[in-house]
């Protein structure tokens, strides 16, 4: 029903304007799996490069706290001071890793689409709280794909973690009895192995999910033929209105052109089809085209010329050549100088003969 109301089935690829409008609305391709991959990859990098630094800083702070626990004042001001100092030390230890996680989360979004500032997605919409719409979303292709994706992730990651940790089950049982100082290296080694494998698996899942999300988004942007026509009218203008404007411009230009004909020195014609009005006065570099036209326009030029006693010279080849090459209010091309000079010379001799 919605497709019929919009002018038919949406089978056409979206125009660039449609894609730009979608981006401005905040309707972009977004795969949550890509974001997850960047965050987990960032956490793995932090564990690999910053775990010793973080643990060393926290170890120093906590060792001093435990060693001098009996000296810590328990009154309100002392406890507040100790809590503030400990918070600063903890934040200093995790500041850089936390910043890297934030950058990883931002990168996960920006690698999928450019930065978008839009509040339309936050605008309340009644159809989103409709039970019918919610039921459709619950059993939509997107929901089924998310469900299947969740099962695949659970099965893959569960299998990988089992395969990695099962051989280490004997060592994990002994963690409660070994020196606490040896727990961290073992835990770090196991965590890096698990997270490295998880990152590799999620890279495949994220790539597949992005392609799926892009295809879903692209299908949503498709347009019907009527939508493309409507968009063309909005961007390029209504063809009927543009034709009318073009006609008005031609009419104004023709009217202005006819007003210049009385200034012409000679009209060169092909008796029935072409007419070119030229002006030449002493001091001009070359004759100037004041007006030109074919058929009805040529007839009108000849009528105005006859009314104002402007000489009309029949020269079909020259009339056709000038009409094809010279622009209105422009000088004639160099290749026509000789032929036009002969015509103007003839007109001037004719005028001198008449004036005698």
C-alpha atoms as a PDB file:
ATOM      1  CA  UNK A   1       0.000   0.000   0.000  1.00  0.00           C
ATOM      2  CA  UNK A   2       2.732   2.446   0.923  1.00  0.00           C
ATOM      3  CA  UNK A   3       4.610   1.719  -2.263  1.00  0.00           C
ATOM      4  CA  UNK A   4       1.482   2.306  -4.344  1.00  0.00           C
ATOM      5  CA  UNK A   5       0.815   5.590  -2.583  1.00  0.00           C
ATOM      6  CA  UNK A   6       4.370   6.697  -3.308  1.00  0.00           C
ATOM      7  CA  UNK A   7       3.910   6.106  -7.000  1.00  0.00           C
ATOM      8  CA  UNK A   8       4.726   2.439  -7.513  1.00  0.00           C
ATOM      9  CA  UNK A   9       7.219  -0.177  -6.491  1.00  0.00           C
ATOM     10  CA  UNK A  10      10.637   1.052  -5.423  1.00  0.00           C
ATOM     11  CA  UNK A  11      12.857  -0.617  -7.981  1.00  0.00           C
ATOM     12  CA  UNK A  12      15.214   2.209  -8.989  1.00  0.00           C
ATOM     13  CA  UNK A  13      18.609   2.918  -7.435  1.00  0.00           C
ATOM     14  CA  UNK A  14      18.575   6.050  -5.265  1.00  0.00           C
ATOM     15  CA  UNK A  15      19.856   9.318  -6.631  1.00  0.00           C
ATOM     16  CA  UNK A  16      22.740  11.151  -5.010  1.00  0.00           C
ATOM     17  CA  UNK A  17      20.295  13.688  -3.578  1.00  0.00           C
ATOM     18  CA  UNK A  18      18.296  10.894  -1.922  1.00  0.00           C
ATOM     19  CA  UNK A  19      21.485   9.505  -0.356  1.00  0.00           C
ATOM     20  CA  UNK A  20      22.556  12.981   0.826  1.00  0.00           C
ATOM     21  CA  UNK A  21      19.114  13.604   2.358  1.00  0.00           C
ATOM     22  CA  UNK A  22      19.296  10.270   4.183  1.00  0.00           C
ATOM     23  CA  UNK A  23      22.689  11.221   5.583  1.00  0.00           C
ATOM     24  CA  UNK A  24      21.364  14.582   6.810  1.00  0.00           C
ATOM     25  CA  UNK A  25      18.497  12.766   8.569  1.00  0.00           C
ATOM     26  CA  UNK A  26      20.973  10.497  10.310  1.00  0.00           C
ATOM     27  CA  UNK A  27      19.835   7.494   8.287  1.00  0.00           C
ATOM     28  CA  UNK A  28      23.233   5.902   7.680  1.00  0.00           C
ATOM     29  CA  UNK A  29      24.757   2.466   7.336  1.00  0.00           C
ATOM     30  CA  UNK A  30      25.656   1.275  10.808  1.00  0.00           C
ATOM     31  CA  UNK A  31      26.782  -2.144  11.933  1.00  0.00           C
ATOM     32  CA  UNK A  32      26.995  -2.610  15.677  1.00  0.00           C
ATOM     33  CA  UNK A  33      29.387  -5.498  15.048  1.00  0.00           C
ATOM     34  CA  UNK A  34      31.928  -3.095  13.548  1.00  0.00           C
ATOM     35  CA  UNK A  35      31.746  -0.940  16.690  1.00  0.00           C
ATOM     36  CA  UNK A  36      32.115  -4.037  18.867  1.00  0.00           C
ATOM     37  CA  UNK A  37      35.140  -5.176  16.897  1.00  0.00           C
ATOM     38  CA  UNK A  38      36.887  -1.826  17.276  1.00  0.00           C
ATOM     39  CA  UNK A  39      36.243  -1.736  21.025  1.00  0.00           C
ATOM     40  CA  UNK A  40      37.431  -5.307  21.624  1.00  0.00           C
ATOM     41  CA  UNK A  41      40.437  -4.779  19.342  1.00  0.00           C
ATOM     42  CA  UNK A  42      41.232  -1.606  21.316  1.00  0.00           C
ATOM     43  CA  UNK A  43      40.864  -3.459  24.613  1.00  0.00           C
ATOM     44  CA  UNK A  44      43.203  -6.197  23.342  1.00  0.00           C
ATOM     45  CA  UNK A  45      45.775  -3.577  22.338  1.00  0.00           C
ATOM     46  CA  UNK A  46      45.486  -1.931  25.745  1.00  0.00           C
ATOM     47  CA  UNK A  47      45.929  -5.271  27.502  1.00  0.00           C
ATOM     48  CA  UNK A  48      48.982  -6.018  25.365  1.00  0.00           C
ATOM     49  CA  UNK A  49      50.735  -2.647  25.690  1.00  0.00           C
ATOM     50  CA  UNK A  50      49.397  -0.933  28.808  1.00  0.00           C
ATOM     51  CA  UNK A  51      48.571  -3.723  31.241  1.00  0.00           C
ATOM     52  CA  UNK A  52      52.006  -3.646  32.901  1.00  0.00           C
ATOM     53  CA  UNK A  53      51.887   0.141  33.227  1.00  0.00           C
ATOM     54  CA  UNK A  54      48.376   0.100  34.700  1.00  0.00           C
ATOM     55  CA  UNK A  55      49.045  -2.772  37.058  1.00  0.00           C
ATOM     56  CA  UNK A  56      52.326  -1.190  38.168  1.00  0.00           C
ATOM     57  CA  UNK A  57      50.670   2.127  38.988  1.00  0.00           C
ATOM     58  CA  UNK A  58      47.760   0.523  40.784  1.00  0.00           C
ATOM     59  CA  UNK A  59      50.087  -1.882  42.593  1.00  0.00           C
ATOM     60  CA  UNK A  60      52.147   0.977  43.952  1.00  0.00           C
ATOM     61  CA  UNK A  61      49.090   2.866  45.138  1.00  0.00           C
ATOM     62  CA  UNK A  62      47.364  -0.118  46.718  1.00  0.00           C
ATOM     63  CA  UNK A  63      50.595  -1.451  48.285  1.00  0.00           C
ATOM     64  CA  UNK A  64      51.099   1.822  50.088  1.00  0.00           C
ATOM     65  CA  UNK A  65      47.463   1.889  51.112  1.00  0.00           C
ATOM     66  CA  UNK A  66      47.593  -1.616  52.547  1.00  0.00           C
ATOM     67  CA  UNK A  67      51.003  -1.172  54.176  1.00  0.00           C
ATOM     68  CA  UNK A  68      49.875   1.971  56.006  1.00  0.00           C
ATOM     69  CA  UNK A  69      46.274   1.031  56.583  1.00  0.00           C
ATOM     70  CA  UNK A  70      46.709   1.422  60.337  1.00  0.00           C
ATOM     71  CA  UNK A  71      47.852   5.030  59.881  1.00  0.00           C
ATOM     72  CA  UNK A  72      44.885   6.113  57.783  1.00  0.00           C
ATOM     73  CA  UNK A  73      42.641   8.484  59.723  1.00  0.00           C
ATOM     74  CA  UNK A  74      39.085   7.268  59.902  1.00  0.00           C
ATOM     75  CA  UNK A  75      37.477  10.647  60.483  1.00  0.00           C
ATOM     76  CA  UNK A  76      35.390  12.178  57.732  1.00  0.00           C
ATOM     77  CA  UNK A  77      37.994  14.627  56.427  1.00  0.00           C
ATOM     78  CA  UNK A  78      40.809  12.067  56.396  1.00  0.00           C
ATOM     79  CA  UNK A  79      38.703   9.432  54.701  1.00  0.00           C
ATOM     80  CA  UNK A  80      37.590  11.955  52.095  1.00  0.00           C
ATOM     81  CA  UNK A  81      41.204  12.960  51.440  1.00  0.00           C
ATOM     82  CA  UNK A  82      42.299   9.337  51.077  1.00  0.00           C
ATOM     83  CA  UNK A  83      39.417   8.553  48.699  1.00  0.00           C
ATOM     84  CA  UNK A  84      40.184  11.588  46.528  1.00  0.00           C
ATOM     85  CA  UNK A  85      43.889  10.771  46.363  1.00  0.00           C
ATOM     86  CA  UNK A  86      43.207   7.143  45.508  1.00  0.00           C
ATOM     87  CA  UNK A  87      40.705   8.187  42.809  1.00  0.00           C
ATOM     88  CA  UNK A  88      43.279  10.484  41.191  1.00  0.00           C
ATOM     89  CA  UNK A  89      45.893   7.711  41.145  1.00  0.00           C
ATOM     90  CA  UNK A  90      43.449   5.193  39.668  1.00  0.00           C
ATOM     91  CA  UNK A  91      42.272   7.655  37.010  1.00  0.00           C
ATOM     92  CA  UNK A  92      45.878   8.525  36.142  1.00  0.00           C
ATOM     93  CA  UNK A  93      46.630   4.850  35.646  1.00  0.00           C
ATOM     94  CA  UNK A  94      43.642   4.190  33.377  1.00  0.00           C
ATOM     95  CA  UNK A  95      43.380   7.603  31.625  1.00  0.00           C
ATOM     96  CA  UNK A  96      45.315   6.704  28.475  1.00  0.00           C
ATOM     97  CA  UNK A  97      43.716   3.248  28.076  1.00  0.00           C
ATOM     98  CA  UNK A  98      40.263   4.772  28.602  1.00  0.00           C
ATOM     99  CA  UNK A  99      40.993   7.459  26.002  1.00  0.00           C
ATOM    100  CA  UNK A 100      42.074   4.761  23.538  1.00  0.00           C
ATOM    101  CA  UNK A 101      38.793   2.916  24.103  1.00  0.00           C
ATOM    102  CA  UNK A 102      36.841   6.111  23.423  1.00  0.00           C
ATOM    103  CA  UNK A 103      38.825   6.712  20.227  1.00  0.00           C
ATOM    104  CA  UNK A 104      38.216   3.107  19.167  1.00  0.00           C
ATOM    105  CA  UNK A 105      34.467   3.558  19.674  1.00  0.00           C
ATOM    106  CA  UNK A 106      34.499   6.785  17.623  1.00  0.00           C
ATOM    107  CA  UNK A 107      36.597   5.153  14.892  1.00  0.00           C
ATOM    108  CA  UNK A 108      34.108   2.289  14.708  1.00  0.00           C
ATOM    109  CA  UNK A 109      31.412   4.794  13.726  1.00  0.00           C
ATOM    110  CA  UNK A 110      33.460   7.077  11.484  1.00  0.00           C
ATOM    111  CA  UNK A 111      34.857   4.223   9.401  1.00  0.00           C
ATOM    112  CA  UNK A 112      31.276   3.369   8.408  1.00  0.00           C
ATOM    113  CA  UNK A 113      30.090   6.884   7.581  1.00  0.00           C
ATOM    114  CA  UNK A 114      31.233  10.466   7.904  1.00  0.00           C
ATOM    115  CA  UNK A 115      30.373  12.467  10.990  1.00  0.00           C
ATOM    116  CA  UNK A 116      26.675  13.356  11.094  1.00  0.00           C
ATOM    117  CA  UNK A 117      24.933  15.910  13.311  1.00  0.00           C
ATOM    118  CA  UNK A 118      21.213  15.216  13.217  1.00  0.00           C
ATOM    119  CA  UNK A 119      18.501  15.408  15.859  1.00  0.00           C
ATOM    120  CA  UNK A 120      15.823  13.807  13.710  1.00  0.00           C
ATOM    121  CA  UNK A 121      16.574  10.369  15.120  1.00  0.00           C
ATOM    122  CA  UNK A 122      15.828  11.763  18.616  1.00  0.00           C
ATOM    123  CA  UNK A 123      12.476  13.238  17.572  1.00  0.00           C
ATOM    124  CA  UNK A 124       9.576  11.225  19.043  1.00  0.00           C
ATOM    125  CA  UNK A 125       7.567   9.376  16.401  1.00  0.00           C
ATOM    126  CA  UNK A 126       4.183   7.832  17.170  1.00  0.00           C
ATOM    127  CA  UNK A 127       4.600   4.968  14.724  1.00  0.00           C
ATOM    128  CA  UNK A 128       7.567   3.711  16.761  1.00  0.00           C
ATOM    129  CA  UNK A 129       5.350   3.000  19.748  1.00  0.00           C
ATOM    130  CA  UNK A 130       2.607   1.406  17.673  1.00  0.00           C
ATOM    131  CA  UNK A 131       2.020  -2.247  18.709  1.00  0.00           C
ATOM    132  CA  UNK A 132       1.556  -3.205  15.064  1.00  0.00           C
ATOM    133  CA  UNK A 133       4.794  -1.564  14.004  1.00  0.00           C
ATOM    134  CA  UNK A 134       6.586  -3.118  16.956  1.00  0.00           C
ATOM    135  CA  UNK A 135       5.266  -6.570  16.034  1.00  0.00           C
ATOM    136  CA  UNK A 136       6.488  -6.090  12.466  1.00  0.00           C
ATOM    137  CA  UNK A 137       9.918  -5.032  13.695  1.00  0.00           C
ATOM    138  CA  UNK A 138      10.022  -8.036  16.025  1.00  0.00           C
ATOM    139  CA  UNK A 139       9.629 -10.442  13.106  1.00  0.00           C
ATOM    140  CA  UNK A 140      11.314  -8.357  10.431  1.00  0.00           C
ATOM    141  CA  UNK A 141      14.226  -9.475   8.297  1.00  0.00           C
ATOM    142  CA  UNK A 142      16.509  -7.289  10.415  1.00  0.00           C
ATOM    143  CA  UNK A 143      15.330  -8.902  13.663  1.00  0.00           C
ATOM    144  CA  UNK A 144      15.726 -12.415  12.263  1.00  0.00           C
ATOM    145  CA  UNK A 145      19.185 -11.552  10.996  1.00  0.00           C
ATOM    146  CA  UNK A 146      20.171 -10.192  14.426  1.00  0.00           C
ATOM    147  CA  UNK A 147      18.851 -13.340  16.099  1.00  0.00           C
ATOM    148  CA  UNK A 148      20.762 -15.599  13.708  1.00  0.00           C
ATOM    149  CA  UNK A 149      23.865 -13.470  14.116  1.00  0.00           C
ATOM    150  CA  UNK A 150      23.619 -13.735  17.898  1.00  0.00           C
ATOM    151  CA  UNK A 151      23.371 -17.528  17.722  1.00  0.00           C
ATOM    152  CA  UNK A 152      26.369 -17.719  15.385  1.00  0.00           C
ATOM    153  CA  UNK A 153      28.435 -15.450  17.639  1.00  0.00           C
ATOM    154  CA  UNK A 154      27.462 -17.412  20.732  1.00  0.00           C
ATOM    155  CA  UNK A 155      28.315 -20.733  19.092  1.00  0.00           C
ATOM    156  CA  UNK A 156      31.618 -19.555  17.608  1.00  0.00           C
ATOM    157  CA  UNK A 157      32.892 -17.665  20.617  1.00  0.00           C
ATOM    158  CA  UNK A 158      31.748 -20.382  23.012  1.00  0.00           C
ATOM    159  CA  UNK A 159      33.525 -23.024  20.955  1.00  0.00           C
ATOM    160  CA  UNK A 160      36.696 -20.958  20.735  1.00  0.00           C
ATOM    161  CA  UNK A 161      36.801 -20.179  24.442  1.00  0.00           C
ATOM    162  CA  UNK A 162      36.173 -23.813  25.261  1.00  0.00           C
ATOM    163  CA  UNK A 163      38.926 -24.931  22.892  1.00  0.00           C
ATOM    164  CA  UNK A 164      41.381 -22.447  24.379  1.00  0.00           C
ATOM    165  CA  UNK A 165      40.547 -22.798  28.066  1.00  0.00           C
ATOM    166  CA  UNK A 166      39.787 -26.521  28.306  1.00  0.00           C
ATOM    167  CA  UNK A 167      43.454 -27.561  28.004  1.00  0.00           C
ATOM    168  CA  UNK A 168      44.246 -25.032  30.757  1.00  0.00           C
ATOM    169  CA  UNK A 169      41.649 -26.320  33.196  1.00  0.00           C
ATOM    170  CA  UNK A 170      44.263 -27.961  35.445  1.00  0.00           C
ATOM    171  CA  UNK A 171      46.243 -24.732  35.704  1.00  0.00           C
ATOM    172  CA  UNK A 172      43.100 -22.706  36.400  1.00  0.00           C
ATOM    173  CA  UNK A 173      42.272 -25.007  39.320  1.00  0.00           C
ATOM    174  CA  UNK A 174      45.611 -24.220  40.914  1.00  0.00           C
ATOM    175  CA  UNK A 175      45.221 -20.446  40.759  1.00  0.00           C
ATOM    176  CA  UNK A 176      43.705 -20.369  44.253  1.00  0.00           C
ATOM    177  CA  UNK A 177      46.818 -21.904  45.749  1.00  0.00           C
ATOM    178  CA  UNK A 178      49.669 -20.160  43.912  1.00  0.00           C
ATOM    179  CA  UNK A 179      51.421 -16.891  44.727  1.00  0.00           C
ATOM    180  CA  UNK A 180      49.170 -13.932  43.819  1.00  0.00           C
ATOM    181  CA  UNK A 181      52.121 -12.350  41.980  1.00  0.00           C
ATOM    182  CA  UNK A 182      52.064 -15.232  39.484  1.00  0.00           C
ATOM    183  CA  UNK A 183      48.344 -14.956  38.823  1.00  0.00           C
ATOM    184  CA  UNK A 184      48.537 -11.778  36.748  1.00  0.00           C
ATOM    185  CA  UNK A 185      51.021 -13.051  34.095  1.00  0.00           C
ATOM    186  CA  UNK A 186      49.024 -16.256  33.657  1.00  0.00           C
ATOM    187  CA  UNK A 187      45.737 -14.375  33.487  1.00  0.00           C
ATOM    188  CA  UNK A 188      47.195 -11.911  30.981  1.00  0.00           C
ATOM    189  CA  UNK A 189      48.511 -14.724  28.782  1.00  0.00           C
ATOM    190  CA  UNK A 190      45.158 -16.533  28.742  1.00  0.00           C
ATOM    191  CA  UNK A 191      43.219 -13.299  28.217  1.00  0.00           C
ATOM    192  CA  UNK A 192      45.404 -12.263  25.264  1.00  0.00           C
ATOM    193  CA  UNK A 193      44.965 -15.672  23.653  1.00  0.00           C
ATOM    194  CA  UNK A 194      41.190 -15.575  24.055  1.00  0.00           C
ATOM    195  CA  UNK A 195      40.788 -11.935  23.013  1.00  0.00           C
ATOM    196  CA  UNK A 196      43.113 -12.295  20.002  1.00  0.00           C
ATOM    197  CA  UNK A 197      41.025 -15.185  18.725  1.00  0.00           C
ATOM    198  CA  UNK A 198      37.800 -13.304  19.464  1.00  0.00           C
ATOM    199  CA  UNK A 199      39.081 -10.291  17.503  1.00  0.00           C
ATOM    200  CA  UNK A 200      39.881 -12.497  14.502  1.00  0.00           C
ATOM    201  CA  UNK A 201      36.443 -14.127  14.540  1.00  0.00           C
ATOM    202  CA  UNK A 202      34.591 -10.854  15.101  1.00  0.00           C
ATOM    203  CA  UNK A 203      36.466  -9.295  12.152  1.00  0.00           C
ATOM    204  CA  UNK A 204      34.784 -11.817   9.845  1.00  0.00           C
ATOM    205  CA  UNK A 205      31.396 -11.345  11.532  1.00  0.00           C
ATOM    206  CA  UNK A 206      31.727  -7.528  11.427  1.00  0.00           C
ATOM    207  CA  UNK A 207      32.612  -7.526   7.710  1.00  0.00           C
ATOM    208  CA  UNK A 208      29.669  -9.797   6.861  1.00  0.00           C
ATOM    209  CA  UNK A 209      27.293  -7.769   9.047  1.00  0.00           C
ATOM    210  CA  UNK A 210      28.406  -4.473   7.490  1.00  0.00           C
ATOM    211  CA  UNK A 211      27.725  -5.791   3.998  1.00  0.00           C
ATOM    212  CA  UNK A 212      24.301  -6.987   5.153  1.00  0.00           C
ATOM    213  CA  UNK A 213      23.494  -3.655   6.831  1.00  0.00           C
ATOM    214  CA  UNK A 214      24.650  -1.744   3.751  1.00  0.00           C
ATOM    215  CA  UNK A 215      22.411  -3.845   1.523  1.00  0.00           C
ATOM    216  CA  UNK A 216      19.443  -3.299   3.849  1.00  0.00           C
ATOM    217  CA  UNK A 217      20.111   0.453   3.959  1.00  0.00           C
ATOM    218  CA  UNK A 218      20.507   0.653   0.176  1.00  0.00           C
ATOM    219  CA  UNK A 219      17.214  -1.207  -0.335  1.00  0.00           C
ATOM    220  CA  UNK A 220      15.491   1.300   1.985  1.00  0.00           C
ATOM    221  CA  UNK A 221      16.776   4.178  -0.130  1.00  0.00           C
ATOM    222  CA  UNK A 222      15.492   2.797  -3.439  1.00  0.00           C
ATOM    223  CA  UNK A 223      12.983   4.977  -5.268  1.00  0.00           C
ATOM    224  CA  UNK A 224       9.990   4.530  -7.482  1.00  0.00           C
ATOM    225  CA  UNK A 225       9.846   6.105 -10.928  1.00  0.00           C
ATOM    226  CA  UNK A 226       7.349   8.670  -9.634  1.00  0.00           C
ATOM    227  CA  UNK A 227       9.702   9.674  -6.785  1.00  0.00           C
ATOM    228  CA  UNK A 228      12.536  10.165  -9.276  1.00  0.00           C
ATOM    229  CA  UNK A 229      10.271  12.342 -11.443  1.00  0.00           C
ATOM    230  CA  UNK A 230       9.165  14.381  -8.424  1.00  0.00           C
ATOM    231  CA  UNK A 231      12.752  14.861  -7.301  1.00  0.00           C
ATOM    232  CA  UNK A 232      13.751  15.963 -10.785  1.00  0.00           C
ATOM    233  CA  UNK A 233      10.962  18.553 -10.741  1.00  0.00           C
ATOM    234  CA  UNK A 234      12.154  19.843  -7.361  1.00  0.00           C
ATOM    235  CA  UNK A 235      15.821  20.066  -8.316  1.00  0.00           C
ATOM    236  CA  UNK A 236      15.660  20.921 -12.012  1.00  0.00           C
ATOM    237  CA  UNK A 237      12.258  22.583 -12.107  1.00  0.00           C
ATOM    238  CA  UNK A 238       8.979  21.623 -13.727  1.00  0.00           C
ATOM    239  CA  UNK A 239       9.654  20.987 -17.460  1.00  0.00           C
ATOM    240  CA  UNK A 240       6.426  22.792 -18.367  1.00  0.00           C
ATOM    241  CA  UNK A 241       7.386  25.849 -16.346  1.00  0.00           C
ATOM    242  CA  UNK A 242      10.930  25.768 -17.703  1.00  0.00           C
ATOM    243  CA  UNK A 243       9.564  25.606 -21.251  1.00  0.00           C
ATOM    244  CA  UNK A 244       7.316  28.578 -20.558  1.00  0.00           C
ATOM    245  CA  UNK A 245      10.253  30.557 -19.106  1.00  0.00           C
ATOM    246  CA  UNK A 246      12.350  29.668 -22.140  1.00  0.00           C
ATOM    247  CA  UNK A 247       9.578  30.889 -24.447  1.00  0.00           C
ATOM    248  CA  UNK A 248       9.335  34.163 -22.536  1.00  0.00           C
ATOM    249  CA  UNK A 249      13.091  34.667 -22.778  1.00  0.00           C
ATOM    250  CA  UNK A 250      13.050  33.996 -26.515  1.00  0.00           C
ATOM    251  CA  UNK A 251      10.124  36.403 -26.940  1.00  0.00           C
ATOM    252  CA  UNK A 252      11.925  39.158 -24.995  1.00  0.00           C
ATOM    253  CA  UNK A 253      15.133  38.579 -26.935  1.00  0.00           C
ATOM    254  CA  UNK A 254      13.228  38.672 -30.235  1.00  0.00           C
ATOM    255  CA  UNK A 255      11.450  41.880 -29.251  1.00  0.00           C
ATOM    256  CA  UNK A 256      14.747  43.519 -28.309  1.00  0.00           C
ATOM    257  CA  UNK A 257      16.303  42.253 -31.538  1.00  0.00           C
ATOM    258  CA  UNK A 258      13.499  43.704 -33.666  1.00  0.00           C
ATOM    259  CA  UNK A 259      13.954  47.059 -31.942  1.00  0.00           C
ATOM    260  CA  UNK A 260      17.547  47.121 -33.203  1.00  0.00           C
ATOM    261  CA  UNK A 261      16.684  46.448 -36.865  1.00  0.00           C
ATOM    262  CA  UNK A 262      16.032  50.156 -37.732  1.00  0.00           C
ATOM    263  CA  UNK A 263      19.712  50.866 -36.874  1.00  0.00           C
ATOM    264  CA  UNK A 264      20.919  48.388 -39.516  1.00  0.00           C
ATOM    265  CA  UNK A 265      22.924  49.495 -42.559  1.00  0.00           C
ATOM    266  CA  UNK A 266      21.880  46.553 -44.730  1.00  0.00           C
ATOM    267  CA  UNK A 267      19.740  43.405 -44.623  1.00  0.00           C
ATOM    268  CA  UNK A 268      21.285  40.365 -46.331  1.00  0.00           C
ATOM    269  CA  UNK A 269      18.652  37.791 -47.238  1.00  0.00           C
ATOM    270  CA  UNK A 270      17.881  34.507 -48.806  1.00  0.00           C
ATOM    271  CA  UNK A 271      14.601  35.675 -50.346  1.00  0.00           C
ATOM    272  CA  UNK A 272      12.291  33.344 -48.424  1.00  0.00           C
ATOM    273  CA  UNK A 273      14.167  31.789 -45.486  1.00  0.00           C
ATOM    274  CA  UNK A 274      17.076  33.805 -43.990  1.00  0.00           C
ATOM    275  CA  UNK A 275      17.636  37.427 -43.031  1.00  0.00           C
ATOM    276  CA  UNK A 276      20.624  39.020 -41.298  1.00  0.00           C
ATOM    277  CA  UNK A 277      20.672  42.685 -40.274  1.00  0.00           C
ATOM    278  CA  UNK A 278      24.161  44.256 -40.230  1.00  0.00           C
ATOM    279  CA  UNK A 279      25.288  47.659 -39.000  1.00  0.00           C
ATOM    280  CA  UNK A 280      28.457  49.353 -40.193  1.00  0.00           C
ATOM    281  CA  UNK A 281      29.690  52.854 -39.544  1.00  0.00           C
ATOM    282  CA  UNK A 282      33.025  54.494 -40.091  1.00  0.00           C
ATOM    283  CA  UNK A 283      35.413  53.744 -37.249  1.00  0.00           C
ATOM    284  CA  UNK A 284      33.987  50.288 -36.507  1.00  0.00           C
ATOM    285  CA  UNK A 285      36.412  47.348 -36.672  1.00  0.00           C
ATOM    286  CA  UNK A 286      33.916  45.164 -38.505  1.00  0.00           C
ATOM    287  CA  UNK A 287      30.182  45.046 -39.254  1.00  0.00           C
ATOM    288  CA  UNK A 288      27.969  44.165 -36.310  1.00  0.00           C
ATOM    289  CA  UNK A 289      25.054  41.712 -36.398  1.00  0.00           C
ATOM    290  CA  UNK A 290      21.966  43.383 -34.945  1.00  0.00           C
ATOM    291  CA  UNK A 291      19.392  40.703 -35.786  1.00  0.00           C
ATOM    292  CA  UNK A 292      18.965  37.429 -37.618  1.00  0.00           C
ATOM    293  CA  UNK A 293      16.236  34.872 -38.157  1.00  0.00           C
ATOM    294  CA  UNK A 294      14.558  32.332 -40.402  1.00  0.00           C
ATOM    295  CA  UNK A 295      11.097  32.099 -41.947  1.00  0.00           C
ATOM    296  CA  UNK A 296       8.633  34.196 -39.899  1.00  0.00           C
ATOM    297  CA  UNK A 297      11.386  36.058 -38.041  1.00  0.00           C
ATOM    298  CA  UNK A 298      13.205  36.746 -41.335  1.00  0.00           C
ATOM    299  CA  UNK A 299       9.964  38.039 -42.830  1.00  0.00           C
ATOM    300  CA  UNK A 300       9.464  40.370 -39.851  1.00  0.00           C
ATOM    301  CA  UNK A 301      13.046  41.700 -40.242  1.00  0.00           C
ATOM    302  CA  UNK A 302      12.426  42.430 -43.923  1.00  0.00           C
ATOM    303  CA  UNK A 303       9.138  44.183 -43.099  1.00  0.00           C
ATOM    304  CA  UNK A 304      10.812  46.473 -40.543  1.00  0.00           C
ATOM    305  CA  UNK A 305      13.665  47.144 -42.979  1.00  0.00           C
ATOM    306  CA  UNK A 306      11.249  48.091 -45.747  1.00  0.00           C
ATOM    307  CA  UNK A 307       9.356  50.364 -43.364  1.00  0.00           C
ATOM    308  CA  UNK A 308      12.584  52.223 -42.467  1.00  0.00           C
ATOM    309  CA  UNK A 309      14.016  52.254 -46.013  1.00  0.00           C
ATOM    310  CA  UNK A 310      16.937  49.991 -45.131  1.00  0.00           C
ATOM    311  CA  UNK A 311      18.536  48.361 -48.186  1.00  0.00           C
ATOM    312  CA  UNK A 312      17.764  44.661 -48.632  1.00  0.00           C
ATOM    313  CA  UNK A 313      20.354  42.679 -50.590  1.00  0.00           C
ATOM    314  CA  UNK A 314      19.638  39.150 -51.755  1.00  0.00           C
ATOM    315  CA  UNK A 315      22.694  36.929 -51.394  1.00  0.00           C
ATOM    316  CA  UNK A 316      21.549  33.389 -50.390  1.00  0.00           C
ATOM    317  CA  UNK A 317      24.997  31.826 -49.769  1.00  0.00           C
ATOM    318  CA  UNK A 318      26.182  34.762 -47.662  1.00  0.00           C
ATOM    319  CA  UNK A 319      22.866  34.982 -45.771  1.00  0.00           C
ATOM    320  CA  UNK A 320      23.017  31.278 -44.848  1.00  0.00           C
ATOM    321  CA  UNK A 321      26.691  31.492 -43.872  1.00  0.00           C
ATOM    322  CA  UNK A 322      26.196  34.569 -41.673  1.00  0.00           C
ATOM    323  CA  UNK A 323      23.125  33.101 -39.991  1.00  0.00           C
ATOM    324  CA  UNK A 324      25.089  29.960 -39.086  1.00  0.00           C
ATOM    325  CA  UNK A 325      28.265  31.635 -37.811  1.00  0.00           C
ATOM    326  CA  UNK A 326      27.574  35.101 -36.422  1.00  0.00           C
ATOM    327  CA  UNK A 327      25.994  35.800 -33.016  1.00  0.00           C
ATOM    328  CA  UNK A 328      23.666  38.696 -32.276  1.00  0.00           C
ATOM    329  CA  UNK A 329      25.500  41.817 -31.018  1.00  0.00           C
ATOM    330  CA  UNK A 330      28.796  40.309 -32.224  1.00  0.00           C
ATOM    331  CA  UNK A 331      31.084  41.253 -35.087  1.00  0.00           C
ATOM    332  CA  UNK A 332      31.018  39.072 -38.179  1.00  0.00           C
ATOM    333  CA  UNK A 333      33.767  36.418 -38.520  1.00  0.00           C
ATOM    334  CA  UNK A 334      36.941  37.326 -40.417  1.00  0.00           C
ATOM    335  CA  UNK A 335      36.238  34.843 -43.203  1.00  0.00           C
ATOM    336  CA  UNK A 336      33.172  36.877 -44.235  1.00  0.00           C
ATOM    337  CA  UNK A 337      34.885  40.290 -44.323  1.00  0.00           C
ATOM    338  CA  UNK A 338      35.430  40.320 -48.077  1.00  0.00           C
ATOM    339  CA  UNK A 339      31.897  39.233 -49.047  1.00  0.00           C
ATOM    340  CA  UNK A 340      30.249  41.642 -46.600  1.00  0.00           C
ATOM    341  CA  UNK A 341      32.568  44.473 -47.645  1.00  0.00           C
ATOM    342  CA  UNK A 342      31.410  44.050 -51.215  1.00  0.00           C
ATOM    343  CA  UNK A 343      27.746  44.225 -50.135  1.00  0.00           C
ATOM    344  CA  UNK A 344      28.286  47.294 -47.944  1.00  0.00           C
ATOM    345  CA  UNK A 345      30.322  48.954 -50.694  1.00  0.00           C
ATOM    346  CA  UNK A 346      27.445  48.324 -53.087  1.00  0.00           C
ATOM    347  CA  UNK A 347      24.973  49.835 -50.611  1.00  0.00           C
ATOM    348  CA  UNK A 348      27.130  52.935 -50.087  1.00  0.00           C
ATOM    349  CA  UNK A 349      27.503  53.484 -53.835  1.00  0.00           C
ATOM    350  CA  UNK A 350      23.734  53.078 -54.190  1.00  0.00           C
ATOM    351  CA  UNK A 351      23.122  55.670 -51.491  1.00  0.00           C
ATOM    352  CA  UNK A 352      25.523  58.163 -53.077  1.00  0.00           C
ATOM    353  CA  UNK A 353      23.806  57.662 -56.442  1.00  0.00           C
ATOM    354  CA  UNK A 354      20.393  58.277 -54.860  1.00  0.00           C
ATOM    355  CA  UNK A 355      21.586  61.347 -52.979  1.00  0.00           C
ATOM    356  CA  UNK A 356      22.756  62.952 -56.257  1.00  0.00           C
END
